[in-house]
Amino acid sequence: MSLIYTVIAGKIDDDGENIKFVDDADSIESAEAMIMDKKLYTYAFCRVEVTGFEAA
């Protein structure tokens, strides 16, 4: 069993979060690298969620 890390980034509108980017990573290190490589830190919000697990 392995965890799935979902990277979510976007901006905040009057209606709430406006998600512009969503992608999965196999590890927290891969998720952090994705944020850096794609410059997702420039969005108003950027987070990594552990969305569940994947059976091996």
N, C-alpha and C. Protein backbone atom coordinates (compact mmCIF):
# COMPACT_ATOMS: atom_id res chain seq x y z
N MET A 1 0.85 -1.18 0.00
CA MET A 1 0.00 0.00 0.00
C MET A 1 0.89 1.24 0.00
N SER A 2 0.53 2.22 -0.82
CA SER A 2 1.27 3.48 -0.86
C SER A 2 0.30 4.65 -0.85
N LEU A 3 0.73 5.73 -0.24
CA LEU A 3 -0.11 6.93 -0.18
C LEU A 3 -0.09 7.67 -1.50
N ILE A 4 -1.13 8.43 -1.77
CA ILE A 4 -1.22 9.28 -2.96
C ILE A 4 -1.22 10.72 -2.48
N TYR A 5 -0.33 11.53 -3.03
CA TYR A 5 -0.20 12.94 -2.67
C TYR A 5 -0.75 13.78 -3.83
N THR A 6 -1.75 14.58 -3.56
CA THR A 6 -2.37 15.41 -4.58
C THR A 6 -1.95 16.86 -4.38
N VAL A 7 -1.38 17.45 -5.42
CA VAL A 7 -0.97 18.85 -5.41
C VAL A 7 -2.10 19.67 -6.00
N ILE A 8 -2.54 20.70 -5.27
CA ILE A 8 -3.64 21.56 -5.70
C ILE A 8 -3.17 23.00 -5.58
N ALA A 9 -3.40 23.79 -6.63
CA ALA A 9 -3.00 25.20 -6.61
C ALA A 9 -4.04 26.02 -7.37
N GLY A 10 -4.14 27.28 -7.00
CA GLY A 10 -5.08 28.16 -7.68
C GLY A 10 -5.16 29.52 -7.04
N LYS A 11 -6.26 30.19 -7.29
CA LYS A 11 -6.46 31.54 -6.75
C LYS A 11 -7.77 31.59 -5.99
N ILE A 12 -7.97 32.66 -5.28
CA ILE A 12 -9.18 32.85 -4.50
C ILE A 12 -10.07 33.87 -5.21
N ASP A 13 -11.30 33.47 -5.50
CA ASP A 13 -12.29 34.36 -6.11
C ASP A 13 -13.35 34.69 -5.07
N ASP A 14 -14.30 35.53 -5.45
CA ASP A 14 -15.41 35.86 -4.55
C ASP A 14 -16.20 34.62 -4.14
N ASP A 15 -16.24 33.63 -5.04
CA ASP A 15 -16.99 32.40 -4.77
C ASP A 15 -16.18 31.35 -4.01
N GLY A 16 -14.91 31.64 -3.72
CA GLY A 16 -14.05 30.69 -3.01
C GLY A 16 -12.84 30.32 -3.85
N GLU A 17 -12.38 29.09 -3.66
CA GLU A 17 -11.19 28.63 -4.38
C GLU A 17 -11.48 28.41 -5.86
N ASN A 18 -10.58 28.91 -6.69
CA ASN A 18 -10.64 28.68 -8.13
C ASN A 18 -9.40 27.85 -8.46
N ILE A 19 -9.58 26.54 -8.54
CA ILE A 19 -8.46 25.62 -8.72
C ILE A 19 -7.99 25.65 -10.17
N LYS A 20 -6.69 25.89 -10.33
CA LYS A 20 -6.08 25.98 -11.67
C LYS A 20 -5.19 24.79 -11.99
N PHE A 21 -4.77 24.05 -10.96
CA PHE A 21 -3.85 22.93 -11.17
C PHE A 21 -4.13 21.83 -10.16
N VAL A 22 -4.22 20.58 -10.65
CA VAL A 22 -4.36 19.40 -9.80
C VAL A 22 -3.57 18.27 -10.46
N ASP A 23 -2.72 17.61 -9.67
CA ASP A 23 -1.99 16.45 -10.18
C ASP A 23 -1.56 15.59 -8.99
N ASP A 24 -1.35 14.30 -9.23
CA ASP A 24 -0.95 13.38 -8.18
C ASP A 24 0.55 13.10 -8.25
N ALA A 25 1.10 12.79 -7.09
CA ALA A 25 2.51 12.41 -6.97
C ALA A 25 2.60 11.16 -6.12
N ASP A 26 3.68 10.41 -6.32
CA ASP A 26 3.87 9.15 -5.61
C ASP A 26 4.49 9.34 -4.22
N SER A 27 5.12 10.49 -3.99
CA SER A 27 5.77 10.73 -2.70
C SER A 27 5.68 12.22 -2.38
N ILE A 28 5.89 12.54 -1.11
CA ILE A 28 5.88 13.95 -0.72
C ILE A 28 7.04 14.69 -1.38
N GLU A 29 8.17 14.01 -1.57
CA GLU A 29 9.30 14.62 -2.25
C GLU A 29 8.97 14.95 -3.70
N SER A 30 8.26 14.05 -4.38
CA SER A 30 7.84 14.29 -5.76
C SER A 30 6.84 15.44 -5.83
N ALA A 31 5.95 15.51 -4.84
CA ALA A 31 4.98 16.61 -4.80
C ALA A 31 5.70 17.94 -4.61
N GLU A 32 6.68 17.99 -3.71
CA GLU A 32 7.44 19.21 -3.49
C GLU A 32 8.22 19.61 -4.75
N ALA A 33 8.80 18.63 -5.43
CA ALA A 33 9.53 18.91 -6.67
C ALA A 33 8.58 19.45 -7.75
N MET A 34 7.37 18.90 -7.82
CA MET A 34 6.37 19.38 -8.79
C MET A 34 6.05 20.85 -8.52
N ILE A 35 5.87 21.19 -7.26
CA ILE A 35 5.58 22.58 -6.89
C ILE A 35 6.69 23.50 -7.33
N MET A 36 7.93 23.09 -7.10
CA MET A 36 9.07 23.92 -7.48
C MET A 36 9.23 24.00 -9.00
N ASP A 37 9.19 22.85 -9.67
CA ASP A 37 9.41 22.79 -11.12
C ASP A 37 8.36 23.57 -11.91
N LYS A 38 7.12 23.50 -11.47
CA LYS A 38 6.02 24.18 -12.18
C LYS A 38 5.71 25.55 -11.60
N LYS A 39 6.51 25.97 -10.61
CA LYS A 39 6.35 27.28 -9.96
C LYS A 39 4.94 27.48 -9.42
N LEU A 40 4.38 26.43 -8.85
CA LEU A 40 3.03 26.50 -8.31
C LEU A 40 2.95 27.39 -7.07
N TYR A 41 4.08 27.65 -6.46
CA TYR A 41 4.13 28.53 -5.29
C TYR A 41 3.74 29.97 -5.63
N THR A 42 3.64 30.30 -6.91
CA THR A 42 3.25 31.66 -7.31
C THR A 42 1.73 31.86 -7.25
N TYR A 43 0.97 30.78 -7.13
CA TYR A 43 -0.48 30.89 -6.99
C TYR A 43 -0.85 31.40 -5.60
N ALA A 44 -2.05 31.89 -5.45
CA ALA A 44 -2.52 32.40 -4.16
C ALA A 44 -2.54 31.30 -3.11
N PHE A 45 -2.82 30.07 -3.53
CA PHE A 45 -2.71 28.95 -2.61
C PHE A 45 -2.12 27.75 -3.34
N CYS A 46 -1.41 26.96 -2.61
CA CYS A 46 -0.82 25.73 -3.12
C CYS A 46 -0.69 24.78 -1.94
N ARG A 47 -1.23 23.57 -2.08
CA ARG A 47 -1.18 22.63 -0.98
C ARG A 47 -1.01 21.21 -1.51
N VAL A 48 -0.57 20.35 -0.60
CA VAL A 48 -0.45 18.93 -0.89
C VAL A 48 -1.40 18.22 0.05
N GLU A 49 -2.28 17.42 -0.50
CA GLU A 49 -3.23 16.64 0.29
C GLU A 49 -2.91 15.16 0.14
N VAL A 50 -2.99 14.45 1.23
CA VAL A 50 -2.90 12.99 1.17
C VAL A 50 -4.33 12.51 0.92
N THR A 51 -4.57 12.05 -0.30
CA THR A 51 -5.94 11.79 -0.72
C THR A 51 -6.38 10.35 -0.50
N GLY A 52 -5.49 9.51 -0.09
CA GLY A 52 -5.87 8.12 0.14
C GLY A 52 -4.70 7.23 -0.11
N PHE A 53 -4.99 6.01 -0.43
CA PHE A 53 -3.91 5.06 -0.69
C PHE A 53 -4.23 4.24 -1.91
N GLU A 54 -3.18 3.70 -2.47
CA GLU A 54 -3.29 2.86 -3.65
C GLU A 54 -2.78 1.48 -3.28
N ALA A 55 -3.54 0.47 -3.55
CA ALA A 55 -3.11 -0.90 -3.26
C ALA A 55 -1.90 -1.26 -4.10
N ALA A 56 -0.98 -1.93 -3.51
CA ALA A 56 0.27 -2.30 -4.19
C ALA A 56 0.02 -3.40 -5.21
